[in-house]
Protein backbone atom coordinates (compact mmCIF):
# COMPACT_ATOMS: atom_id res chain seq x y z
CA MET A 1 -28.33 -12.13 22.51
CA MET A 2 -27.44 -15.26 20.57
CA MET A 3 -24.68 -13.47 18.66
CA GLY A 4 -23.24 -12.13 21.92
CA PHE A 5 -23.19 -15.65 23.34
CA MET A 6 -21.50 -16.99 20.20
CA MET A 7 -18.86 -14.26 20.35
CA TRP A 8 -18.22 -15.07 24.01
CA MET A 9 -17.86 -18.78 23.16
CA ALA A 10 -15.45 -17.97 20.29
CA GLY A 11 -12.90 -16.66 22.79
CA SER A 12 -10.32 -13.94 22.36
CA THR A 13 -7.81 -15.72 20.16
CA VAL A 14 -7.61 -15.07 16.45
CA HIS A 15 -8.70 -18.12 14.49
CA LEU A 16 -11.13 -18.88 11.69
CA PHE A 17 -14.20 -19.42 13.88
CA SER A 18 -13.78 -16.24 15.94
CA ILE A 19 -13.16 -14.12 12.85
CA GLY A 20 -16.19 -15.61 11.08
CA ILE A 21 -18.45 -15.00 14.07
CA THR A 22 -17.15 -11.45 14.45
CA PHE A 23 -17.71 -10.50 10.83
CA SER A 24 -21.15 -12.09 10.99
CA ALA A 25 -21.84 -9.95 14.07
CA LEU A 26 -20.85 -6.89 12.04
CA TRP A 27 -22.72 -7.81 8.87
CA GLN A 28 -26.09 -8.70 10.43
CA PRO A 29 -26.76 -5.28 12.03
CA ILE A 30 -25.55 -3.44 8.93
CA SER A 31 -27.88 -5.41 6.66
CA ALA A 32 -30.75 -5.03 9.15
CA LEU A 33 -30.24 -1.26 9.28
CA GLN A 34 -30.31 -1.10 5.49
CA GLY A 35 -33.68 -2.84 5.45
CA VAL A 36 -35.53 -0.92 8.19
CA GLY A 37 -38.24 0.13 5.72
CA LYS A 38 -38.88 -3.44 4.57
CA VAL A 39 -39.05 -4.77 8.12
CA PHE A 40 -41.80 -2.35 9.14
CA GLU A 41 -43.66 -2.33 5.80
CA PRO A 42 -46.32 -4.87 6.88
CA TYR A 43 -47.19 -2.75 9.93
CA LYS A 44 -47.56 0.52 8.05
CA ASP A 45 -50.92 2.03 8.92
CA SER A 46 -52.24 5.52 9.47
CA LYS A 47 -53.50 4.49 12.92
CA VAL A 48 -50.18 3.08 14.13
CA ASP A 49 -47.16 5.23 14.98
CA LEU A 50 -44.02 3.26 14.09
CA LEU A 51 -41.46 5.85 15.14
CA ALA A 52 -40.72 4.37 18.58
CA PRO A 53 -40.40 0.76 17.33
CA LYS A 54 -38.16 1.89 14.46
CA LEU A 55 -35.93 3.84 16.84
CA LEU A 56 -35.73 0.84 19.16
CA PHE A 57 -34.89 -1.43 16.20
CA ILE A 58 -32.14 0.97 15.11
CA ALA A 59 -30.77 1.30 18.66
CA LEU A 60 -30.62 -2.47 19.17
CA ASN A 61 -28.85 -2.99 15.85
CA LEU A 62 -26.37 -0.22 16.63
CA GLY A 63 -25.74 -1.98 19.95
CA GLY A 64 -25.07 -5.21 18.06
CA LEU A 65 -22.71 -3.36 15.74
CA ALA A 66 -20.89 -1.90 18.74
CA LEU A 67 -20.57 -5.40 20.17
CA GLY A 68 -18.96 -6.56 16.92
CA VAL A 69 -16.52 -3.65 16.93
CA TRP A 70 -15.68 -4.40 20.57
CA LYS A 71 -14.96 -8.02 19.62
CA LEU A 72 -12.68 -6.84 16.80
CA ASN A 73 -10.81 -4.77 19.37
CA THR A 74 -10.48 -7.70 21.81
CA LEU A 75 -9.09 -9.83 18.99
CA GLY A 76 -6.51 -7.12 18.28
CA LEU A 77 -7.78 -6.51 14.74
CA LEU A 78 -8.39 -2.76 15.16
CA PRO A 79 -5.45 -0.37 14.76
CA THR A 80 -5.69 1.29 18.18
CA HIS A 81 -2.02 1.45 19.21
CA ALA A 82 0.78 3.64 17.91
CA SER A 83 2.70 0.54 16.84
CA ASP A 84 -0.11 -0.29 14.38
CA TRP A 85 0.80 2.80 12.36
CA VAL A 86 4.59 2.40 12.31
CA SER A 87 4.62 1.31 8.67
CA SER A 88 3.18 4.68 7.62
CA LEU A 89 5.91 6.67 9.36
CA PRO A 90 8.99 7.76 7.43
CA PRO A 91 12.18 5.94 8.38
CA PRO A 92 14.33 7.79 10.92
CA GLN A 93 17.27 9.74 9.55
CA GLU A 94 20.61 8.43 10.70
CA VAL A 95 22.81 11.08 12.24
CA GLU A 96 26.54 10.63 12.04
CA PHE A 97 28.79 12.52 14.37
CA SER A 98 32.51 12.99 14.09
CA ALA A 99 34.75 14.33 16.83
CA SER A 100 37.97 14.18 14.77
CA GLY A 101 39.23 11.21 16.74
CA LEU A 102 39.04 13.01 20.09
CA PRO A 103 37.42 11.28 23.03
CA LEU A 104 34.09 12.75 24.10
CA HIS A 105 33.87 13.38 27.85
């Protein structure tokens, strides 16, 4: 919730603060998902089923990751338009046409 509030306060313009907050919003869920085992290690017990809390933890972190990707899109930093890929297209071939000096009607 705090990260969502910070991303809202950062606005939708590209500047150092908004980019820093956005990449922090991406990095925190990724690092949390990598350490799911460590987070639930103290609660490991044969009497306690940790599947539901782990799934909830994973779902919430994936939601946070989706929020970070959405913020990248609102900042215009994701290549989602055809014009973002123009540099990978081959240059158009120029076509010359000659009508032997006759007017074309």
